[in-house]
């Protein structure tokens, strides 16, 4: 609530945030912000976007909405063919957007405006779509490098586009975005593990699981043995390493780029809470939203660090 009290409200956010779900469509028709949609789908991204400069905020919301559109496809389908069709729709939509002929779809329309306004790079959109399309297969990552590749082509690519929205085209900022995106992808995989386990699925890197003698069945059964905590520790440590690396050259990163990297606040909070529960991935506290996140975000923005 502190964050909302301090920051100006984004303009026409409801026109940006839309997808095919009935609730969101109603929100658009009513010209209001579907706060419940953001809390469920991208609450942290919503808060971070509020900290962007006013002239960049609407475009950032369009990028976030696009990302949510793609991210929810995997969980909303029962057949891979359906997912491939929806991915193809977005691939063609991006092609049409860059030909100045966006489809009559709210998110696509706002993306087109963002592309025109900031001269965004088509390649990053295509990488996000392509990587999420490959990820429609329900299988675990073979190794941590495969998870990092997925994170680079999704989370990092989204950060590259956010930097372009901020008017930042800098090699050091891109380098930081690459590592932060990888950290975010790793943390997202960890956070989703309890949810996936209830659906009889495990996506954690197989090489690390095998190293500690842990099977997918162990996670599906929700066991809390030390060897499982060792798996989570190794994966979480890799996320921490990426965050530290991104910060090691922060003095070379333009201050103008910092707002794109405030997502590190939520990552730090999660990794810190993970340590407090001795890397028990199933601990109930890890599934709760941090009530202090808005305050932590505001402090980080005030300090002008990431």
Protein backbone atom coordinates (compact mmCIF):
# COMPACT_ATOMS: atom_id res chain seq x y z
CA UNK A 1 0.00 0.00 0.00
CA UNK A 2 2.94 2.34 0.62
CA UNK A 3 4.03 1.98 -2.98
CA UNK A 4 0.57 2.89 -4.26
CA UNK A 5 0.44 5.90 -1.95
CA UNK A 6 3.72 7.29 -3.26
CA UNK A 7 3.50 6.61 -6.96
CA UNK A 8 1.15 8.10 -9.55
CA UNK A 9 -1.30 5.60 -10.97
CA UNK A 10 -0.52 4.33 -14.49
CA UNK A 11 -2.66 5.73 -17.26
CA UNK A 12 -5.03 3.45 -19.17
CA UNK A 13 -3.58 0.31 -17.65
CA UNK A 14 -6.82 -1.56 -18.25
CA UNK A 15 -6.45 -1.01 -21.97
CA UNK A 16 -3.03 -2.64 -21.80
CA UNK A 17 -3.73 -5.64 -19.64
CA UNK A 18 -5.99 -7.95 -21.51
CA UNK A 19 -6.23 -11.50 -22.58
CA UNK A 20 -8.85 -13.98 -23.57
CA UNK A 21 -10.09 -14.65 -20.04
CA UNK A 22 -13.61 -13.35 -19.33
CA UNK A 23 -12.63 -11.57 -16.10
CA UNK A 24 -9.98 -9.50 -17.84
CA UNK A 25 -12.22 -8.71 -20.78
CA UNK A 26 -14.81 -7.40 -18.35
CA UNK A 27 -12.13 -5.29 -16.71
CA UNK A 28 -11.30 -3.72 -20.07
CA UNK A 29 -14.94 -3.08 -20.90
CA UNK A 30 -15.45 -1.46 -17.50
CA UNK A 31 -12.30 0.70 -17.91
CA UNK A 32 -10.89 -0.49 -14.62
CA UNK A 33 -7.75 -2.24 -13.42
CA UNK A 34 -8.19 -5.94 -12.74
CA UNK A 35 -6.07 -5.98 -9.59
CA UNK A 36 -7.05 -9.60 -8.86
CA UNK A 37 -5.66 -10.61 -12.25
CA UNK A 38 -2.27 -9.09 -11.41
CA UNK A 39 -2.15 -10.59 -7.93
CA UNK A 40 -2.68 -14.02 -9.40
CA UNK A 41 -0.62 -13.74 -12.56
CA UNK A 42 2.13 -11.16 -12.21
CA UNK A 43 1.74 -9.26 -8.96
CA UNK A 44 5.45 -8.58 -8.58
CA UNK A 45 5.79 -7.48 -12.20
CA UNK A 46 2.86 -5.13 -11.71
CA UNK A 47 4.49 -3.48 -8.70
CA UNK A 48 7.83 -3.18 -10.48
CA UNK A 49 6.19 -1.61 -13.52
CA UNK A 50 4.69 1.10 -11.32
CA UNK A 51 8.21 2.25 -10.53
CA UNK A 52 9.05 2.94 -14.19
CA UNK A 53 8.94 6.50 -15.53
CA UNK A 54 5.42 7.57 -16.51
CA UNK A 55 6.29 7.73 -20.21
CA UNK A 56 7.42 4.08 -20.16
CA UNK A 57 4.82 2.56 -17.87
CA UNK A 58 2.06 1.82 -20.38
CA UNK A 59 4.46 0.10 -22.76
CA UNK A 60 5.92 -1.93 -19.89
CA UNK A 61 2.43 -3.10 -18.98
CA UNK A 62 1.93 -4.19 -22.58
CA UNK A 63 5.11 -6.26 -22.41
CA UNK A 64 4.03 -7.81 -19.12
CA UNK A 65 0.59 -8.63 -20.50
CA UNK A 66 2.21 -10.26 -23.55
CA UNK A 67 4.43 -12.33 -21.28
CA UNK A 68 1.47 -13.43 -19.16
CA UNK A 69 -0.46 -14.39 -22.30
CA UNK A 70 2.31 -16.77 -23.32
CA UNK A 71 3.14 -18.03 -19.83
CA UNK A 72 -0.40 -19.18 -19.08
CA UNK A 73 -0.79 -21.17 -22.29
CA UNK A 74 1.04 -24.23 -20.95
CA UNK A 75 -1.15 -24.52 -17.85
CA UNK A 76 -4.41 -23.88 -19.70
CA UNK A 77 -4.21 -26.62 -22.34
CA UNK A 78 -4.75 -30.36 -22.28
CA UNK A 79 -3.25 -31.05 -25.70
CA UNK A 80 0.06 -29.77 -27.04
CA UNK A 81 -1.53 -29.08 -30.44
CA UNK A 82 -3.75 -26.43 -28.88
CA UNK A 83 -0.72 -24.77 -27.32
CA UNK A 84 1.14 -24.79 -30.63
CA UNK A 85 -1.83 -23.10 -32.31
CA UNK A 86 -1.93 -20.34 -29.71
CA UNK A 87 1.82 -19.83 -30.00
CA UNK A 88 1.45 -19.59 -33.76
CA UNK A 89 -1.22 -16.93 -33.30
CA UNK A 90 1.23 -14.81 -31.33
CA UNK A 91 4.05 -15.45 -33.78
CA UNK A 92 1.84 -14.19 -36.61
CA UNK A 93 0.58 -11.34 -34.43
CA UNK A 94 4.14 -10.11 -33.86
CA UNK A 95 4.87 -10.34 -37.57
CA UNK A 96 1.74 -8.27 -38.27
CA UNK A 97 2.64 -5.77 -35.54
CA UNK A 98 5.98 -5.08 -37.21
CA UNK A 99 4.14 -4.68 -40.52
CA UNK A 100 1.88 -2.01 -38.96
CA UNK A 101 -1.12 -4.31 -39.19
CA UNK A 102 -1.80 -5.58 -35.63
CA UNK A 103 -4.67 -8.02 -35.08
CA UNK A 104 -7.79 -6.81 -33.27
CA UNK A 105 -6.65 -8.10 -29.91
CA UNK A 106 -6.11 -5.70 -26.96
CA UNK A 107 -2.63 -6.86 -25.97
CA UNK A 108 -1.48 -6.96 -29.60
CA UNK A 109 -2.79 -3.43 -30.13
CA UNK A 110 -0.88 -2.11 -27.12
CA UNK A 111 2.25 -3.99 -28.20
CA UNK A 112 2.02 -2.33 -31.59
CA UNK A 113 1.87 1.08 -29.91
CA UNK A 114 4.86 0.18 -27.76
CA UNK A 115 6.84 -0.99 -30.78
CA UNK A 116 6.06 2.23 -32.64
CA UNK A 117 6.82 4.41 -29.63
CA UNK A 118 10.12 2.81 -28.62
CA UNK A 119 11.34 1.05 -31.78
CA UNK A 120 11.44 -2.32 -30.01
CA UNK A 121 13.43 -5.24 -31.39
CA UNK A 122 11.40 -7.97 -33.07
CA UNK A 123 13.99 -10.66 -32.31
CA UNK A 124 13.29 -10.58 -28.55
CA UNK A 125 9.57 -11.17 -29.06
CA UNK A 126 10.31 -14.12 -31.32
CA UNK A 127 12.78 -15.60 -28.84
CA UNK A 128 10.19 -15.48 -26.07
CA UNK A 129 7.57 -17.16 -28.26
CA UNK A 130 9.99 -19.78 -29.59
CA UNK A 131 11.33 -20.75 -26.18
CA UNK A 132 7.90 -20.97 -24.57
CA UNK A 133 6.74 -23.08 -27.51
CA UNK A 134 9.59 -25.54 -26.93
CA UNK A 135 8.67 -25.58 -23.25
CA UNK A 136 5.19 -26.95 -23.99
CA UNK A 137 6.72 -30.42 -23.63
CA UNK A 138 6.17 -31.64 -20.07
CA UNK A 139 9.67 -32.74 -19.19
CA UNK A 140 12.29 -31.76 -16.66
CA UNK A 141 15.32 -29.70 -17.66
CA UNK A 142 18.21 -32.02 -18.35
CA UNK A 143 20.68 -29.75 -16.56
CA UNK A 144 20.99 -26.31 -15.03
CA UNK A 145 22.36 -24.95 -18.31
CA UNK A 146 19.15 -25.91 -20.10
CA UNK A 147 17.12 -24.06 -17.46
CA UNK A 148 19.39 -21.03 -17.86
CA UNK A 149 18.92 -21.10 -21.63
CA UNK A 150 15.15 -21.09 -21.15
CA UNK A 151 15.44 -18.20 -18.69
CA UNK A 152 17.72 -16.25 -21.03
CA UNK A 153 15.30 -16.53 -23.93
CA UNK A 154 12.24 -15.63 -21.85
CA UNK A 155 12.97 -13.58 -18.71
CA UNK A 156 16.16 -11.95 -19.99
CA UNK A 157 14.55 -11.21 -23.35
CA UNK A 158 11.69 -9.47 -21.53
CA UNK A 159 14.24 -7.37 -19.64
CA UNK A 160 16.00 -6.44 -22.89
CA UNK A 161 12.66 -5.15 -24.21
CA UNK A 162 12.05 -3.27 -20.96
CA UNK A 163 15.44 -1.60 -21.31
CA UNK A 164 14.48 -0.51 -24.82
CA UNK A 165 11.24 0.93 -23.43
CA UNK A 166 13.39 2.94 -21.01
CA UNK A 167 15.53 4.15 -23.89
CA UNK A 168 18.57 2.20 -22.70
CA UNK A 169 20.72 0.42 -25.26
CA UNK A 170 23.91 -0.36 -23.42
CA UNK A 171 26.09 -3.47 -23.38
CA UNK A 172 26.61 -3.39 -19.61
CA UNK A 173 22.88 -3.05 -18.98
CA UNK A 174 22.27 -5.98 -21.34
CA UNK A 175 24.88 -8.02 -19.48
CA UNK A 176 23.15 -7.33 -16.18
CA UNK A 177 19.76 -8.14 -17.72
CA UNK A 178 21.09 -11.49 -18.92
CA UNK A 179 22.16 -12.56 -15.43
CA UNK A 180 19.10 -11.15 -13.67
CA UNK A 181 16.82 -12.87 -16.16
CA UNK A 182 18.57 -16.19 -15.55
CA UNK A 183 18.22 -15.72 -11.79
CA UNK A 184 14.54 -14.96 -12.22
CA UNK A 185 14.00 -18.03 -14.37
CA UNK A 186 15.70 -20.26 -11.81
CA UNK A 187 13.72 -18.78 -8.91
CA UNK A 188 10.47 -19.12 -10.87
CA UNK A 189 11.23 -22.80 -11.42
CA UNK A 190 11.84 -23.26 -7.70
CA UNK A 191 8.73 -21.36 -6.63
CA UNK A 192 6.54 -23.41 -8.96
CA UNK A 193 7.84 -26.76 -7.70
CA UNK A 194 5.18 -27.32 -4.99
CA UNK A 195 2.42 -26.45 -7.47
CA UNK A 196 3.83 -28.71 -10.17
CA UNK A 197 4.32 -31.53 -7.66
CA UNK A 198 0.60 -31.56 -6.92
CA UNK A 199 0.07 -32.12 -10.64
CA UNK A 200 2.54 -35.03 -10.70
CA UNK A 201 5.16 -32.98 -12.55
CA UNK A 202 8.73 -31.99 -11.71
CA UNK A 203 10.84 -29.66 -13.84
CA UNK A 204 13.95 -29.27 -11.68
CA UNK A 205 17.28 -29.95 -13.47
CA UNK A 206 17.82 -33.70 -13.63
CA UNK A 207 21.61 -33.51 -13.34
CA UNK A 208 21.44 -31.91 -9.89
CA UNK A 209 18.73 -34.31 -8.74
CA UNK A 210 20.81 -37.29 -9.86
CA UNK A 211 23.90 -35.86 -8.17
CA UNK A 212 22.11 -36.06 -4.81
CA UNK A 213 20.25 -39.30 -5.49
CA UNK A 214 16.84 -37.65 -5.61
CA UNK A 215 14.05 -38.87 -7.89
CA UNK A 216 11.11 -36.97 -9.31
CA UNK A 217 8.88 -39.21 -7.20
CA UNK A 218 10.49 -37.79 -4.04
CA UNK A 219 9.29 -34.30 -4.96
CA UNK A 220 5.86 -35.52 -6.08
CA UNK A 221 5.41 -37.17 -2.66
CA UNK A 222 6.53 -33.94 -0.96
CA UNK A 223 9.33 -35.55 1.02
CA UNK A 224 11.49 -33.27 3.14
CA UNK A 225 14.74 -35.20 3.38
CA UNK A 226 18.15 -33.55 3.55
CA UNK A 227 19.13 -34.76 0.08
CA UNK A 228 16.16 -32.86 -1.36
CA UNK A 229 17.18 -29.69 0.48
CA UNK A 230 20.66 -30.16 -0.99
CA UNK A 231 19.13 -30.15 -4.50
CA UNK A 232 17.24 -26.94 -3.78
CA UNK A 233 20.36 -25.38 -2.21
CA UNK A 234 22.44 -26.05 -5.32
CA UNK A 235 19.79 -24.61 -7.66
CA UNK A 236 19.12 -21.58 -5.45
CA UNK A 237 22.87 -20.94 -5.19
CA UNK A 238 23.06 -20.65 -8.95
CA UNK A 239 20.37 -17.94 -8.89
CA UNK A 240 22.30 -16.11 -6.16
CA UNK A 241 25.50 -16.27 -8.21
CA UNK A 242 23.75 -14.66 -11.18
CA UNK A 243 22.41 -11.85 -9.00
CA UNK A 244 25.83 -11.18 -7.49
CA UNK A 245 27.43 -11.19 -10.92
CA UNK A 246 24.87 -8.69 -12.22
CA UNK A 247 25.67 -6.39 -9.31
CA UNK A 248 29.44 -6.74 -9.62
CA UNK A 249 29.51 -4.26 -12.49
CA UNK A 250 26.54 -2.09 -11.48
CA UNK A 251 28.70 1.05 -11.64
CA UNK A 252 29.03 0.52 -15.38
CA UNK A 253 25.26 0.21 -15.85
CA UNK A 254 23.43 3.48 -16.64
CA UNK A 255 21.28 4.62 -13.73
CA UNK A 256 18.45 5.01 -16.24
CA UNK A 257 18.40 1.21 -16.55
CA UNK A 258 17.97 0.48 -12.83
CA UNK A 259 14.12 0.54 -12.80
CA UNK A 260 14.13 -2.44 -15.19
CA UNK A 261 16.00 -4.46 -12.57
CA UNK A 262 13.85 -3.88 -9.48
CA UNK A 263 12.56 -7.44 -9.91
CA UNK A 264 15.71 -8.40 -7.98
CA UNK A 265 13.94 -7.27 -4.79
CA UNK A 266 11.45 -10.14 -4.96
CA UNK A 267 14.22 -12.58 -5.90
CA UNK A 268 16.30 -11.51 -2.90
CA UNK A 269 13.29 -11.87 -0.61
CA UNK A 270 12.53 -15.38 -1.82
CA UNK A 271 16.13 -16.60 -1.58
CA UNK A 272 16.44 -15.08 1.90
CA UNK A 273 13.23 -16.79 3.03
CA UNK A 274 14.49 -20.03 1.52
CA UNK A 275 17.59 -19.87 3.71
CA UNK A 276 15.43 -19.24 6.79
CA UNK A 277 13.55 -22.51 6.24
CA UNK A 278 16.73 -24.46 5.47
CA UNK A 279 15.83 -24.84 1.77
CA UNK A 280 12.63 -26.77 2.43
CA UNK A 281 10.89 -26.02 -0.87
CA UNK A 282 7.53 -27.14 0.55
CA UNK A 283 7.52 -24.82 3.57
CA UNK A 284 4.19 -22.92 3.66
CA UNK A 285 5.89 -19.55 4.23
CA UNK A 286 7.48 -19.71 0.77
CA UNK A 287 4.05 -19.77 -0.87
CA UNK A 288 2.91 -16.50 0.71
CA UNK A 289 3.28 -13.05 -0.79
CA UNK A 290 5.59 -10.76 1.14
CA UNK A 291 3.54 -7.95 2.70
CA UNK A 292 6.71 -5.84 2.82
CA UNK A 293 7.51 -6.18 -0.87
CA UNK A 294 6.03 -2.78 -1.83
CA UNK A 295 8.10 -1.13 0.92
CA UNK A 296 11.27 -2.97 -0.11
CA UNK A 297 10.70 -1.95 -3.73
CA UNK A 298 10.25 1.69 -2.77
CA UNK A 299 13.42 1.66 -0.66
CA UNK A 300 15.40 0.07 -3.49
CA UNK A 301 14.13 2.68 -5.96
CA UNK A 302 14.92 5.48 -3.50
CA UNK A 303 18.47 4.16 -3.06
CA UNK A 304 18.83 3.87 -6.84
CA UNK A 305 20.35 0.40 -6.71
CA UNK A 306 19.41 -3.04 -7.93
